[in-house]
């Protein structure tokens, strides 16, 4: 899990957009983007909860097709979603005090990810 908040804030600031939206999108089917209070407890709790709700298993249809051990990774990432849109107000992200933007890798092996950040507005 990675905190993207500072990097996205920098991109928004450098864009010159004062009012609008920023869209953050993960390319790939086994990772997600969202918001959370980015602190150690929740960094542990979210993946643990996902593994309880959608546990690793060889019974998923994906496993029957590919046998690669990551059927649950696809389902977890799909459930959370690959993208997030955040309002921009006065040139800054409109986030709560304890709300940060995260990227969560749900796959069973390390991946290099490309994340696209689009800022739109005036």
PDB file of N, CA and C in Angstrom:
ATOM      1  N   UNK A   1       0.860  -1.179   0.000  1.00  0.00           N
ATOM      2  CA  UNK A   1       0.000   0.000   0.000  1.00  0.00           C
ATOM      3  C   UNK A   1       0.897   1.229   0.000  1.00  0.00           C
ATOM      4  N   UNK A   2       0.547   2.190  -0.847  1.00  0.00           N
ATOM      5  CA  UNK A   2       1.353   3.405  -0.990  1.00  0.00           C
ATOM      6  C   UNK A   2       0.468   4.637  -0.855  1.00  0.00           C
ATOM      7  N   UNK A   3       0.984   5.659  -0.187  1.00  0.00           N
ATOM      8  CA  UNK A   3       0.297   6.943  -0.046  1.00  0.00           C
ATOM      9  C   UNK A   3       0.663   7.807  -1.248  1.00  0.00           C
ATOM     10  N   UNK A   4      -0.325   8.168  -2.055  1.00  0.00           N
ATOM     11  CA  UNK A   4      -0.105   8.972  -3.261  1.00  0.00           C
ATOM     12  C   UNK A   4      -0.459  10.442  -3.060  1.00  0.00           C
ATOM     13  N   UNK A   5      -0.921  10.814  -1.884  1.00  0.00           N
ATOM     14  CA  UNK A   5      -1.489  12.138  -1.657  1.00  0.00           C
ATOM     15  C   UNK A   5      -0.527  13.268  -2.006  1.00  0.00           C
ATOM     16  N   UNK A   6       0.696  13.221  -1.525  1.00  0.00           N
ATOM     17  CA  UNK A   6       1.644  14.307  -1.784  1.00  0.00           C
ATOM     18  C   UNK A   6       1.955  14.438  -3.268  1.00  0.00           C
ATOM     19  N   UNK A   7       2.129  13.307  -3.935  1.00  0.00           N
ATOM     20  CA  UNK A   7       2.446  13.348  -5.361  1.00  0.00           C
ATOM     21  C   UNK A   7       1.277  13.890  -6.175  1.00  0.00           C
ATOM     22  N   UNK A   8       0.057  13.457  -5.860  1.00  0.00           N
ATOM     23  CA  UNK A   8      -1.116  13.970  -6.569  1.00  0.00           C
ATOM     24  C   UNK A   8      -1.294  15.457  -6.271  1.00  0.00           C
ATOM     25  N   UNK A   9      -1.076  15.877  -5.039  1.00  0.00           N
ATOM     26  CA  UNK A   9      -1.152  17.307  -4.681  1.00  0.00           C
ATOM     27  C   UNK A   9      -0.169  18.135  -5.492  1.00  0.00           C
ATOM     28  N   UNK A  10       1.033  17.608  -5.655  1.00  0.00           N
ATOM     29  CA  UNK A  10       2.053  18.318  -6.444  1.00  0.00           C
ATOM     30  C   UNK A  10       1.616  18.445  -7.899  1.00  0.00           C
ATOM     31  N   UNK A  11       1.060  17.388  -8.449  1.00  0.00           N
ATOM     32  CA  UNK A  11       0.587  17.415  -9.839  1.00  0.00           C
ATOM     33  C   UNK A  11      -0.525  18.446  -9.998  1.00  0.00           C
ATOM     34  N   UNK A  12      -1.462  18.481  -9.052  1.00  0.00           N
ATOM     35  CA  UNK A  12      -2.548  19.463  -9.098  1.00  0.00           C
ATOM     36  C   UNK A  12      -1.983  20.873  -9.031  1.00  0.00           C
ATOM     37  N   UNK A  13      -1.071  21.108  -8.114  1.00  0.00           N
ATOM     38  CA  UNK A  13      -0.468  22.437  -7.970  1.00  0.00           C
ATOM     39  C   UNK A  13       0.240  22.866  -9.256  1.00  0.00           C
ATOM     40  N   UNK A  14       1.020  21.959  -9.826  1.00  0.00           N
ATOM     41  CA  UNK A  14       1.762  22.279 -11.051  1.00  0.00           C
ATOM     42  C   UNK A  14       0.861  22.464 -12.267  1.00  0.00           C
ATOM     43  N   UNK A  15      -0.355  21.952 -12.208  1.00  0.00           N
ATOM     44  CA  UNK A  15      -1.277  22.082 -13.340  1.00  0.00           C
ATOM     45  C   UNK A  15      -1.814  23.497 -13.493  1.00  0.00           C
ATOM     46  N   UNK A  16      -1.842  24.239 -12.392  1.00  0.00           N
ATOM     47  CA  UNK A  16      -2.402  25.583 -12.430  1.00  0.00           C
ATOM     48  C   UNK A  16      -3.922  25.603 -12.333  1.00  0.00           C
ATOM     49  N   UNK A  17      -4.558  24.451 -12.274  1.00  0.00           N
ATOM     50  CA  UNK A  17      -6.018  24.375 -12.158  1.00  0.00           C
ATOM     51  C   UNK A  17      -6.427  24.823 -10.753  1.00  0.00           C
ATOM     52  N   UNK A  18      -7.389  25.738 -10.687  1.00  0.00           N
ATOM     53  CA  UNK A  18      -7.859  26.239  -9.389  1.00  0.00           C
ATOM     54  C   UNK A  18      -9.153  25.567  -8.939  1.00  0.00           C
ATOM     55  N   UNK A  19     -10.041  25.291  -9.895  1.00  0.00           N
ATOM     56  CA  UNK A  19     -11.317  24.647  -9.590  1.00  0.00           C
ATOM     57  C   UNK A  19     -11.559  23.553 -10.606  1.00  0.00           C
ATOM     58  N   UNK A  20     -11.825  22.343 -10.130  1.00  0.00           N
ATOM     59  CA  UNK A  20     -12.062  21.244 -11.053  1.00  0.00           C
ATOM     60  C   UNK A  20     -12.008  19.910 -10.345  1.00  0.00           C
ATOM     61  N   UNK A  21     -11.426  18.932 -11.051  1.00  0.00           N
ATOM     62  CA  UNK A  21     -11.296  17.585 -10.494  1.00  0.00           C
ATOM     63  C   UNK A  21      -9.944  17.009 -10.891  1.00  0.00           C
ATOM     64  N   UNK A  22      -9.506  16.051 -10.098  1.00  0.00           N
ATOM     65  CA  UNK A  22      -8.339  15.252 -10.452  1.00  0.00           C
ATOM     66  C   UNK A  22      -8.788  13.798 -10.433  1.00  0.00           C
ATOM     67  N   UNK A  23      -8.402  13.090 -11.469  1.00  0.00           N
ATOM     68  CA  UNK A  23      -8.761  11.679 -11.593  1.00  0.00           C
ATOM     69  C   UNK A  23      -7.474  10.863 -11.521  1.00  0.00           C
ATOM     70  N   UNK A  24      -7.449   9.855 -10.663  1.00  0.00           N
ATOM     71  CA  UNK A  24      -6.278   8.992 -10.473  1.00  0.00           C
ATOM     72  C   UNK A  24      -6.692   7.587 -10.898  1.00  0.00           C
ATOM     73  N   UNK A  25      -5.960   6.998 -11.856  1.00  0.00           N
ATOM     74  CA  UNK A  25      -6.341   5.707 -12.425  1.00  0.00           C
ATOM     75  C   UNK A  25      -5.148   4.764 -12.438  1.00  0.00           C
ATOM     76  N   UNK A  26      -5.358   3.549 -11.917  1.00  0.00           N
ATOM     77  CA  UNK A  26      -4.340   2.496 -11.935  1.00  0.00           C
ATOM     78  C   UNK A  26      -4.519   1.653 -13.191  1.00  0.00           C
ATOM     79  N   UNK A  27      -3.448   1.492 -13.964  1.00  0.00           N
ATOM     80  CA  UNK A  27      -3.491   0.590 -15.107  1.00  0.00           C
ATOM     81  C   UNK A  27      -3.138  -0.804 -14.605  1.00  0.00           C
ATOM     82  N   UNK A  28      -4.044  -1.736 -14.791  1.00  0.00           N
ATOM     83  CA  UNK A  28      -3.839  -3.105 -14.326  1.00  0.00           C
ATOM     84  C   UNK A  28      -5.063  -3.600 -13.596  1.00  0.00           C
ATOM     85  N   UNK A  29      -5.248  -4.907 -13.576  1.00  0.00           N
ATOM     86  CA  UNK A  29      -6.478  -5.478 -13.032  1.00  0.00           C
ATOM     87  C   UNK A  29      -6.333  -6.067 -11.636  1.00  0.00           C
ATOM     88  N   UNK A  30      -5.186  -5.886 -10.990  1.00  0.00           N
ATOM     89  CA  UNK A  30      -5.018  -6.445  -9.645  1.00  0.00           C
ATOM     90  C   UNK A  30      -4.525  -5.405  -8.629  1.00  0.00           C
ATOM     91  N   UNK A  31      -4.846  -4.143  -8.870  1.00  0.00           N
ATOM     92  CA  UNK A  31      -4.514  -3.091  -7.909  1.00  0.00           C
ATOM     93  C   UNK A  31      -5.646  -2.078  -7.898  1.00  0.00           C
ATOM     94  N   UNK A  32      -5.697  -1.277  -6.842  1.00  0.00           N
ATOM     95  CA  UNK A  32      -6.798  -0.333  -6.695  1.00  0.00           C
ATOM     96  C   UNK A  32      -6.306   1.015  -6.178  1.00  0.00           C
ATOM     97  N   UNK A  33      -7.181   2.001  -6.320  1.00  0.00           N
ATOM     98  CA  UNK A  33      -6.946   3.362  -5.844  1.00  0.00           C
ATOM     99  C   UNK A  33      -8.132   3.727  -4.958  1.00  0.00           C
ATOM    100  N   UNK A  34      -7.888   4.420  -3.853  1.00  0.00           N
ATOM    101  CA  UNK A  34      -8.978   4.851  -2.986  1.00  0.00           C
ATOM    102  C   UNK A  34      -8.510   5.874  -1.977  1.00  0.00           C
ATOM    103  N   UNK A  35      -9.343   6.136  -0.983  1.00  0.00           N
ATOM    104  CA  UNK A  35      -8.960   7.019   0.117  1.00  0.00           C
ATOM    105  C   UNK A  35      -9.109   6.266   1.432  1.00  0.00           C
ATOM    106  N   UNK A  36      -8.261   6.640   2.373  1.00  0.00           N
ATOM    107  CA  UNK A  36      -8.263   6.031   3.706  1.00  0.00           C
ATOM    108  C   UNK A  36      -7.445   6.934   4.625  1.00  0.00           C
ATOM    109  N   UNK A  37      -7.597   6.787   5.907  1.00  0.00           N
ATOM    110  CA  UNK A  37      -6.638   7.402   6.818  1.00  0.00           C
ATOM    111  C   UNK A  37      -5.390   6.529   6.743  1.00  0.00           C
ATOM    112  N   UNK A  38      -4.347   7.064   6.137  1.00  0.00           N
ATOM    113  CA  UNK A  38      -3.149   6.271   5.851  1.00  0.00           C
ATOM    114  C   UNK A  38      -2.268   6.190   7.093  1.00  0.00           C
ATOM    115  N   UNK A  39      -2.597   5.223   7.927  1.00  0.00           N
ATOM    116  CA  UNK A  39      -1.826   5.006   9.154  1.00  0.00           C
ATOM    117  C   UNK A  39      -1.572   3.506   9.279  1.00  0.00           C
ATOM    118  N   UNK A  40      -0.564   3.098  10.060  1.00  0.00           N
ATOM    119  CA  UNK A  40      -0.138   1.695  10.085  1.00  0.00           C
ATOM    120  C   UNK A  40      -1.241   0.685  10.381  1.00  0.00           C
ATOM    121  N   UNK A  41      -2.149   1.024  11.290  1.00  0.00           N
ATOM    122  CA  UNK A  41      -3.216   0.083  11.621  1.00  0.00           C
ATOM    123  C   UNK A  41      -4.099  -0.219  10.424  1.00  0.00           C
ATOM    124  N   UNK A  42      -4.534   0.819   9.731  1.00  0.00           N
ATOM    125  CA  UNK A  42      -5.393   0.612   8.566  1.00  0.00           C
ATOM    126  C   UNK A  42      -4.619   0.043   7.377  1.00  0.00           C
ATOM    127  N   UNK A  43      -3.331   0.350   7.300  1.00  0.00           N
ATOM    128  CA  UNK A  43      -2.509  -0.253   6.242  1.00  0.00           C
ATOM    129  C   UNK A  43      -2.445  -1.771   6.413  1.00  0.00           C
ATOM    130  N   UNK A  44      -2.561  -2.233   7.625  1.00  0.00           N
ATOM    131  CA  UNK A  44      -2.604  -3.667   7.905  1.00  0.00           C
ATOM    132  C   UNK A  44      -4.032  -4.196   7.793  1.00  0.00           C
ATOM    133  N   UNK A  45      -4.995  -3.428   8.338  1.00  0.00           N
ATOM    134  CA  UNK A  45      -6.382  -3.891   8.419  1.00  0.00           C
ATOM    135  C   UNK A  45      -7.044  -4.077   7.055  1.00  0.00           C
ATOM    136  N   UNK A  46      -6.826  -3.156   6.125  1.00  0.00           N
ATOM    137  CA  UNK A  46      -7.517  -3.256   4.835  1.00  0.00           C
ATOM    138  C   UNK A  46      -7.140  -4.527   4.076  1.00  0.00           C
ATOM    139  N   UNK A  47      -5.856  -4.824   3.871  1.00  0.00           N
ATOM    140  CA  UNK A  47      -5.533  -6.082   3.188  1.00  0.00           C
ATOM    141  C   UNK A  47      -6.018  -7.318   3.949  1.00  0.00           C
ATOM    142  N   UNK A  48      -5.946  -7.283   5.290  1.00  0.00           N
ATOM    143  CA  UNK A  48      -6.434  -8.422   6.076  1.00  0.00           C
ATOM    144  C   UNK A  48      -7.937  -8.616   5.893  1.00  0.00           C
ATOM    145  N   UNK A  49      -8.687  -7.521   5.891  1.00  0.00           N
ATOM    146  CA  UNK A  49     -10.127  -7.601   5.681  1.00  0.00           C
ATOM    147  C   UNK A  49     -10.446  -8.143   4.286  1.00  0.00           C
ATOM    148  N   UNK A  50      -9.729  -7.654   3.290  1.00  0.00           N
ATOM    149  CA  UNK A  50      -9.950  -8.147   1.926  1.00  0.00           C
ATOM    150  C   UNK A  50      -9.679  -9.644   1.828  1.00  0.00           C
ATOM    151  N   UNK A  51      -8.635 -10.106   2.505  1.00  0.00           N
ATOM    152  CA  UNK A  51      -8.322 -11.541   2.481  1.00  0.00           C
ATOM    153  C   UNK A  51      -9.357 -12.375   3.235  1.00  0.00           C
ATOM    154  N   UNK A  52     -10.041 -11.770   4.208  1.00  0.00           N
ATOM    155  CA  UNK A  52     -11.134 -12.477   4.882  1.00  0.00           C
ATOM    156  C   UNK A  52     -12.373 -12.534   3.998  1.00  0.00           C
ATOM    157  N   UNK A  53     -12.676 -11.421   3.335  1.00  0.00           N
ATOM    158  CA  UNK A  53     -13.879 -11.345   2.498  1.00  0.00           C
ATOM    159  C   UNK A  53     -13.712 -12.079   1.178  1.00  0.00           C
ATOM    160  N   UNK A  54     -12.532 -11.958   0.580  1.00  0.00           N
ATOM    161  CA  UNK A  54     -12.228 -12.595  -0.703  1.00  0.00           C
ATOM    162  C   UNK A  54     -10.889 -13.314  -0.533  1.00  0.00           C
ATOM    163  N   UNK A  55     -10.908 -14.489   0.089  1.00  0.00           N
ATOM    164  CA  UNK A  55      -9.655 -15.175   0.444  1.00  0.00           C
ATOM    165  C   UNK A  55      -8.961 -15.825  -0.746  1.00  0.00           C
ATOM    166  N   UNK A  56      -7.644 -15.972  -0.636  1.00  0.00           N
ATOM    167  CA  UNK A  56      -6.931 -16.756  -1.641  1.00  0.00           C
ATOM    168  C   UNK A  56      -7.540 -18.158  -1.709  1.00  0.00           C
ATOM    169  N   UNK A  57      -7.745 -18.655  -2.921  1.00  0.00           N
ATOM    170  CA  UNK A  57      -8.351 -19.975  -3.098  1.00  0.00           C
ATOM    171  C   UNK A  57      -8.090 -20.456  -4.520  1.00  0.00           C
ATOM    172  N   UNK A  58      -8.003 -21.742  -4.667  1.00  0.00           N
ATOM    173  CA  UNK A  58      -7.858 -22.342  -5.999  1.00  0.00           C
ATOM    174  C   UNK A  58      -9.217 -22.626  -6.634  1.00  0.00           C
ATOM    175  N   UNK A  59     -10.306 -22.222  -5.970  1.00  0.00           N
ATOM    176  CA  UNK A  59     -11.650 -22.532  -6.450  1.00  0.00           C
ATOM    177  C   UNK A  59     -12.232 -21.481  -7.388  1.00  0.00           C
ATOM    178  N   UNK A  60     -11.597 -20.318  -7.511  1.00  0.00           N
ATOM    179  CA  UNK A  60     -12.126 -19.275  -8.392  1.00  0.00           C
ATOM    180  C   UNK A  60     -12.034 -19.709  -9.851  1.00  0.00           C
ATOM    181  N   UNK A  61     -12.994 -19.274 -10.657  1.00  0.00           N
ATOM    182  CA  UNK A  61     -12.982 -19.590 -12.075  1.00  0.00           C
ATOM    183  C   UNK A  61     -11.691 -19.154 -12.755  1.00  0.00           C
ATOM    184  N   UNK A  62     -11.150 -18.036 -12.317  1.00  0.00           N
ATOM    185  CA  UNK A  62      -9.873 -17.555 -12.862  1.00  0.00           C
ATOM    186  C   UNK A  62      -8.771 -18.591 -12.665  1.00  0.00           C
ATOM    187  N   UNK A  63      -8.792 -19.241 -11.507  1.00  0.00           N
ATOM    188  CA  UNK A  63      -7.774 -20.263 -11.216  1.00  0.00           C
ATOM    189  C   UNK A  63      -7.944 -21.484 -12.113  1.00  0.00           C
ATOM    190  N   UNK A  64      -9.188 -21.825 -12.413  1.00  0.00           N
ATOM    191  CA  UNK A  64      -9.446 -22.962 -13.283  1.00  0.00           C
ATOM    192  C   UNK A  64      -8.896 -22.691 -14.689  1.00  0.00           C
ATOM    193  N   UNK A  65      -8.935 -21.411 -15.090  1.00  0.00           N
ATOM    194  CA  UNK A  65      -8.459 -21.039 -16.425  1.00  0.00           C
ATOM    195  C   UNK A  65      -6.936 -20.863 -16.469  1.00  0.00           C
ATOM    196  N   UNK A  66      -6.377 -20.111 -15.516  1.00  0.00           N
ATOM    197  CA  UNK A  66      -4.974 -19.690 -15.612  1.00  0.00           C
ATOM    198  C   UNK A  66      -4.046 -20.362 -14.611  1.00  0.00           C
ATOM    199  N   UNK A  67      -4.555 -20.868 -13.493  1.00  0.00           N
ATOM    200  CA  UNK A  67      -3.732 -21.540 -12.480  1.00  0.00           C
ATOM    201  C   UNK A  67      -2.571 -20.676 -11.988  1.00  0.00           C
ATOM    202  N   UNK A  68      -2.821 -19.366 -11.839  1.00  0.00           N
ATOM    203  CA  UNK A  68      -1.728 -18.470 -11.438  1.00  0.00           C
ATOM    204  C   UNK A  68      -1.829 -17.967 -10.000  1.00  0.00           C
ATOM    205  N   UNK A  69      -2.817 -18.450  -9.242  1.00  0.00           N
ATOM    206  CA  UNK A  69      -2.878 -18.145  -7.818  1.00  0.00           C
ATOM    207  C   UNK A  69      -3.400 -16.775  -7.452  1.00  0.00           C
ATOM    208  N   UNK A  70      -3.880 -15.981  -8.433  1.00  0.00           N
ATOM    209  CA  UNK A  70      -4.281 -14.615  -8.086  1.00  0.00           C
ATOM    210  C   UNK A  70      -5.726 -14.278  -8.436  1.00  0.00           C
ATOM    211  N   UNK A  71      -6.583 -15.275  -8.493  1.00  0.00           N
ATOM    212  CA  UNK A  71      -7.994 -14.999  -8.747  1.00  0.00           C
ATOM    213  C   UNK A  71      -8.571 -14.033  -7.724  1.00  0.00           C
ATOM    214  N   UNK A  72      -8.226 -14.242  -6.463  1.00  0.00           N
ATOM    215  CA  UNK A  72      -8.707 -13.345  -5.404  1.00  0.00           C
ATOM    216  C   UNK A  72      -8.178 -11.923  -5.589  1.00  0.00           C
ATOM    217  N   UNK A  73      -6.974 -11.783  -6.128  1.00  0.00           N
ATOM    218  CA  UNK A  73      -6.381 -10.458  -6.349  1.00  0.00           C
ATOM    219  C   UNK A  73      -7.219  -9.648  -7.324  1.00  0.00           C
ATOM    220  N   UNK A  74      -7.656 -10.284  -8.391  1.00  0.00           N
ATOM    221  CA  UNK A  74      -8.515  -9.616  -9.371  1.00  0.00           C
ATOM    222  C   UNK A  74      -9.838  -9.188  -8.733  1.00  0.00           C
ATOM    223  N   UNK A  75     -10.428 -10.074  -7.937  1.00  0.00           N
ATOM    224  CA  UNK A  75     -11.712  -9.762  -7.313  1.00  0.00           C
ATOM    225  C   UNK A  75     -11.590  -8.651  -6.267  1.00  0.00           C
ATOM    226  N   UNK A  76     -10.530  -8.694  -5.462  1.00  0.00           N
ATOM    227  CA  UNK A  76     -10.323  -7.633  -4.465  1.00  0.00           C
ATOM    228  C   UNK A  76     -10.159  -6.275  -5.144  1.00  0.00           C
ATOM    229  N   UNK A  77      -9.331  -6.230  -6.173  1.00  0.00           N
ATOM    230  CA  UNK A  77      -9.091  -4.970  -6.882  1.00  0.00           C
ATOM    231  C   UNK A  77     -10.354  -4.472  -7.569  1.00  0.00           C
ATOM    232  N   UNK A  78     -11.124  -5.386  -8.137  1.00  0.00           N
ATOM    233  CA  UNK A  78     -12.374  -5.000  -8.783  1.00  0.00           C
ATOM    234  C   UNK A  78     -13.350  -4.426  -7.773  1.00  0.00           C
ATOM    235  N   UNK A  79     -13.410  -5.040  -6.609  1.00  0.00           N
ATOM    236  CA  UNK A  79     -14.324  -4.573  -5.566  1.00  0.00           C
ATOM    237  C   UNK A  79     -13.970  -3.149  -5.122  1.00  0.00           C
ATOM    238  N   UNK A  80     -12.696  -2.878  -4.920  1.00  0.00           N
ATOM    239  CA  UNK A  80     -12.275  -1.543  -4.486  1.00  0.00           C
ATOM    240  C   UNK A  80     -12.300  -0.536  -5.629  1.00  0.00           C
ATOM    241  N   UNK A  81     -11.956  -0.973  -6.823  1.00  0.00           N
ATOM    242  CA  UNK A  81     -11.982  -0.100  -7.998  1.00  0.00           C
ATOM    243  C   UNK A  81     -10.615   0.430  -8.380  1.00  0.00           C
ATOM    244  N   UNK A  82     -10.420   0.687  -9.680  1.00  0.00           N
ATOM    245  CA  UNK A  82      -9.123   1.115 -10.188  1.00  0.00           C
ATOM    246  C   UNK A  82      -8.890   2.619 -10.176  1.00  0.00           C
ATOM    247  N   UNK A  83      -9.904   3.406  -9.751  1.00  0.00           N
ATOM    248  CA  UNK A  83      -9.737   4.855  -9.898  1.00  0.00           C
ATOM    249  C   UNK A  83     -10.465   5.622  -8.812  1.00  0.00           C
ATOM    250  N   UNK A  84     -10.136   6.908  -8.772  1.00  0.00           N
ATOM    251  CA  UNK A  84     -10.708   7.826  -7.790  1.00  0.00           C
ATOM    252  C   UNK A  84     -10.749   9.210  -8.415  1.00  0.00           C
ATOM    253  N   UNK A  85     -11.814   9.942  -8.152  1.00  0.00           N
ATOM    254  CA  UNK A  85     -11.926  11.337  -8.578  1.00  0.00           C
ATOM    255  C   UNK A  85     -12.062  12.202  -7.330  1.00  0.00           C
ATOM    256  N   UNK A  86     -11.247  13.248  -7.251  1.00  0.00           N
ATOM    257  CA  UNK A  86     -11.238  14.137  -6.088  1.00  0.00           C
ATOM    258  C   UNK A  86     -11.470  15.566  -6.569  1.00  0.00           C
ATOM    259  N   UNK A  87     -12.326  16.322  -5.897  1.00  0.00           N
ATOM    260  CA  UNK A  87     -12.512  17.725  -6.262  1.00  0.00           C
ATOM    261  C   UNK A  87     -11.240  18.541  -5.999  1.00  0.00           C
ATOM    262  N   UNK A  88     -11.053  19.565  -6.821  1.00  0.00           N
ATOM    263  CA  UNK A  88      -9.974  20.535  -6.632  1.00  0.00           C
ATOM    264  C   UNK A  88     -10.638  21.881  -6.349  1.00  0.00           C
ATOM    265  N   UNK A  89     -10.243  22.508  -5.253  1.00  0.00           N
ATOM    266  CA  UNK A  89     -10.796  23.802  -4.851  1.00  0.00           C
ATOM    267  C   UNK A  89      -9.639  24.710  -4.441  1.00  0.00           C
ATOM    268  N   UNK A  90      -9.591  25.899  -5.001  1.00  0.00           N
ATOM    269  CA  UNK A  90      -8.490  26.849  -4.736  1.00  0.00           C
ATOM    270  C   UNK A  90      -7.130  26.213  -5.012  1.00  0.00           C
ATOM    271  N   UNK A  91      -7.065  25.377  -6.027  1.00  0.00           N
ATOM    272  CA  UNK A  91      -5.798  24.774  -6.435  1.00  0.00           C
ATOM    273  C   UNK A  91      -5.317  23.633  -5.559  1.00  0.00           C
ATOM    274  N   UNK A  92      -6.187  23.144  -4.665  1.00  0.00           N
ATOM    275  CA  UNK A  92      -5.784  22.077  -3.738  1.00  0.00           C
ATOM    276  C   UNK A  92      -6.804  20.943  -3.750  1.00  0.00           C
ATOM    277  N   UNK A  93      -6.330  19.754  -3.383  1.00  0.00           N
ATOM    278  CA  UNK A  93      -7.227  18.617  -3.232  1.00  0.00           C
ATOM    279  C   UNK A  93      -8.236  18.897  -2.124  1.00  0.00           C
ATOM    280  N   UNK A  94      -9.483  18.569  -2.362  1.00  0.00           N
ATOM    281  CA  UNK A  94     -10.523  18.752  -1.357  1.00  0.00           C
ATOM    282  C   UNK A  94     -10.709  17.415  -0.625  1.00  0.00           C
ATOM    283  N   UNK A  95      -9.814  17.168   0.340  1.00  0.00           N
ATOM    284  CA  UNK A  95      -9.815  15.943   1.129  1.00  0.00           C
ATOM    285  C   UNK A  95     -10.033  16.283   2.594  1.00  0.00           C
ATOM    286  N   UNK A  96     -10.567  15.328   3.347  1.00  0.00           N
ATOM    287  CA  UNK A  96     -10.710  15.503   4.780  1.00  0.00           C
ATOM    288  C   UNK A  96      -9.352  15.477   5.466  1.00  0.00           C
ATOM    289  N   UNK A  97      -9.331  15.927   6.691  1.00  0.00           N
ATOM    290  CA  UNK A  97      -8.087  15.997   7.459  1.00  0.00           C
ATOM    291  C   UNK A  97      -7.379  14.650   7.518  1.00  0.00           C
ATOM    292  N   UNK A  98      -8.128  13.572   7.693  1.00  0.00           N
ATOM    293  CA  UNK A  98      -7.541  12.239   7.843  1.00  0.00           C
ATOM    294  C   UNK A  98      -7.771  11.377   6.604  1.00  0.00           C
ATOM    295  N   UNK A  99      -7.911  12.019   5.468  1.00  0.00           N
ATOM    296  CA  UNK A  99      -8.207  11.304   4.224  1.00  0.00           C
ATOM    297  C   UNK A  99      -7.029  11.449   3.272  1.00  0.00           C
ATOM    298  N   UNK A 100      -6.404  10.318   2.967  1.00  0.00           N
ATOM    299  CA  UNK A 100      -5.297  10.308   2.022  1.00  0.00           C
ATOM    300  C   UNK A 100      -5.648   9.386   0.853  1.00  0.00           C
ATOM    301  N   UNK A 101      -4.958   9.604  -0.260  1.00  0.00           N
ATOM    302  CA  UNK A 101      -5.150   8.788  -1.456  1.00  0.00           C
ATOM    303  C   UNK A 101      -4.161   7.630  -1.404  1.00  0.00           C
ATOM    304  N   UNK A 102      -4.673   6.414  -1.588  1.00  0.00           N
ATOM    305  CA  UNK A 102      -3.790   5.259  -1.549  1.00  0.00           C
ATOM    306  C   UNK A 102      -3.846   4.461  -2.846  1.00  0.00           C
ATOM    307  N   UNK A 103      -2.787   3.730  -3.079  1.00  0.00           N
ATOM    308  CA  UNK A 103      -2.707   2.704  -4.120  1.00  0.00           C
ATOM    309  C   UNK A 103      -2.453   1.398  -3.384  1.00  0.00           C
ATOM    310  N   UNK A 104      -3.279   0.386  -3.657  1.00  0.00           N
ATOM    311  CA  UNK A 104      -3.128  -0.914  -3.009  1.00  0.00           C
ATOM    312  C   UNK A 104      -2.882  -1.977  -4.063  1.00  0.00           C
ATOM    313  N   UNK A 105      -1.762  -2.655  -3.940  1.00  0.00           N
ATOM    314  CA  UNK A 105      -1.459  -3.796  -4.809  1.00  0.00           C
ATOM    315  C   UNK A 105      -2.093  -5.020  -4.179  1.00  0.00           C
ATOM    316  N   UNK A 106      -3.011  -5.658  -4.888  1.00  0.00           N
ATOM    317  CA  UNK A 106      -3.703  -6.847  -4.380  1.00  0.00           C
ATOM    318  C   UNK A 106      -3.081  -8.135  -4.904  1.00  0.00           C
ATOM    319  N   UNK A 107      -2.162  -8.043  -5.850  1.00  0.00           N
ATOM    320  CA  UNK A 107      -1.597  -9.242  -6.466  1.00  0.00           C
ATOM    321  C   UNK A 107      -0.674  -9.969  -5.499  1.00  0.00           C
ATOM    322  N   UNK A 108      -0.350 -11.201  -5.839  1.00  0.00           N
ATOM    323  CA  UNK A 108       0.453 -12.057  -4.970  1.00  0.00           C
ATOM    324  C   UNK A 108       1.946 -11.870  -5.187  1.00  0.00           C
ATOM    325  N   UNK A 109       2.318 -11.062  -6.170  1.00  0.00           N
ATOM    326  CA  UNK A 109       3.736 -10.808  -6.429  1.00  0.00           C
ATOM    327  C   UNK A 109       3.930  -9.317  -6.694  1.00  0.00           C
ATOM    328  N   UNK A 110       5.127  -8.817  -6.470  1.00  0.00           N
ATOM    329  CA  UNK A 110       5.388  -7.392  -6.720  1.00  0.00           C
ATOM    330  C   UNK A 110       5.154  -7.040  -8.184  1.00  0.00           C
ATOM    331  N   UNK A 111       4.666  -5.842  -8.398  1.00  0.00           N
ATOM    332  CA  UNK A 111       4.389  -5.352  -9.746  1.00  0.00           C
ATOM    333  C   UNK A 111       4.909  -3.928  -9.882  1.00  0.00           C
ATOM    334  N   UNK A 112       5.276  -3.569 -11.095  1.00  0.00           N
ATOM    335  CA  UNK A 112       5.543  -2.168 -11.430  1.00  0.00           C
ATOM    336  C   UNK A 112       4.237  -1.639 -11.998  1.00  0.00           C
ATOM    337  N   UNK A 113       3.734  -0.558 -11.462  1.00  0.00           N
ATOM    338  CA  UNK A 113       2.448  -0.018 -11.883  1.00  0.00           C
ATOM    339  C   UNK A 113       2.598   1.347 -12.524  1.00  0.00           C
ATOM    340  N   UNK A 114       1.722   1.620 -13.475  1.00  0.00           N
ATOM    341  CA  UNK A 114       1.606   2.943 -14.065  1.00  0.00           C
ATOM    342  C   UNK A 114       0.290   3.515 -13.581  1.00  0.00           C
ATOM    343  N   UNK A 115       0.358   4.695 -12.995  1.00  0.00           N
ATOM    344  CA  UNK A 115      -0.832   5.387 -12.499  1.00  0.00           C
ATOM    345  C   UNK A 115      -0.948   6.683 -13.283  1.00  0.00           C
ATOM    346  N   UNK A 116      -2.116   6.897 -13.869  1.00  0.00           N
ATOM    347  CA  UNK A 116      -2.368   8.113 -14.654  1.00  0.00           C
ATOM    348  C   UNK A 116      -3.139   9.097 -13.802  1.00  0.00           C
ATOM    349  N   UNK A 117      -2.648  10.333 -13.756  1.00  0.00           N
ATOM    350  CA  UNK A 117      -3.315  11.412 -13.022  1.00  0.00           C
ATOM    351  C   UNK A 117      -3.714  12.468 -14.036  1.00  0.00           C
ATOM    352  N   UNK A 118      -5.030  12.743 -14.100  1.00  0.00           N
ATOM    353  CA  UNK A 118      -5.567  13.737 -15.025  1.00  0.00           C
ATOM    354  C   UNK A 118      -6.227  14.838 -14.211  1.00  0.00           C
ATOM    355  N   UNK A 119      -5.830  16.079 -14.468  1.00  0.00           N
ATOM    356  CA  UNK A 119      -6.403  17.228 -13.780  1.00  0.00           C
ATOM    357  C   UNK A 119      -7.238  17.996 -14.815  1.00  0.00           C
ATOM    358  N   UNK A 120      -8.474  18.279 -14.454  1.00  0.00           N
ATOM    359  CA  UNK A 120      -9.392  18.934 -15.377  1.00  0.00           C
ATOM    360  C   UNK A 120     -10.102  20.082 -14.653  1.00  0.00           C
ATOM    361  N   UNK A 121     -10.174  21.225 -15.287  1.00  0.00           N
ATOM    362  CA  UNK A 121     -10.871  22.350 -14.675  1.00  0.00           C
ATOM    363  C   UNK A 121     -10.370  23.657 -15.222  1.00  0.00           C
ATOM    364  N   UNK A 122     -10.516  24.688 -14.414  1.00  0.00           N
ATOM    365  CA  UNK A 122     -10.093  26.016 -14.844  1.00  0.00           C
ATOM    366  C   UNK A 122      -9.345  26.748 -13.746  1.00  0.00           C
TER     367      UNK A 122
END
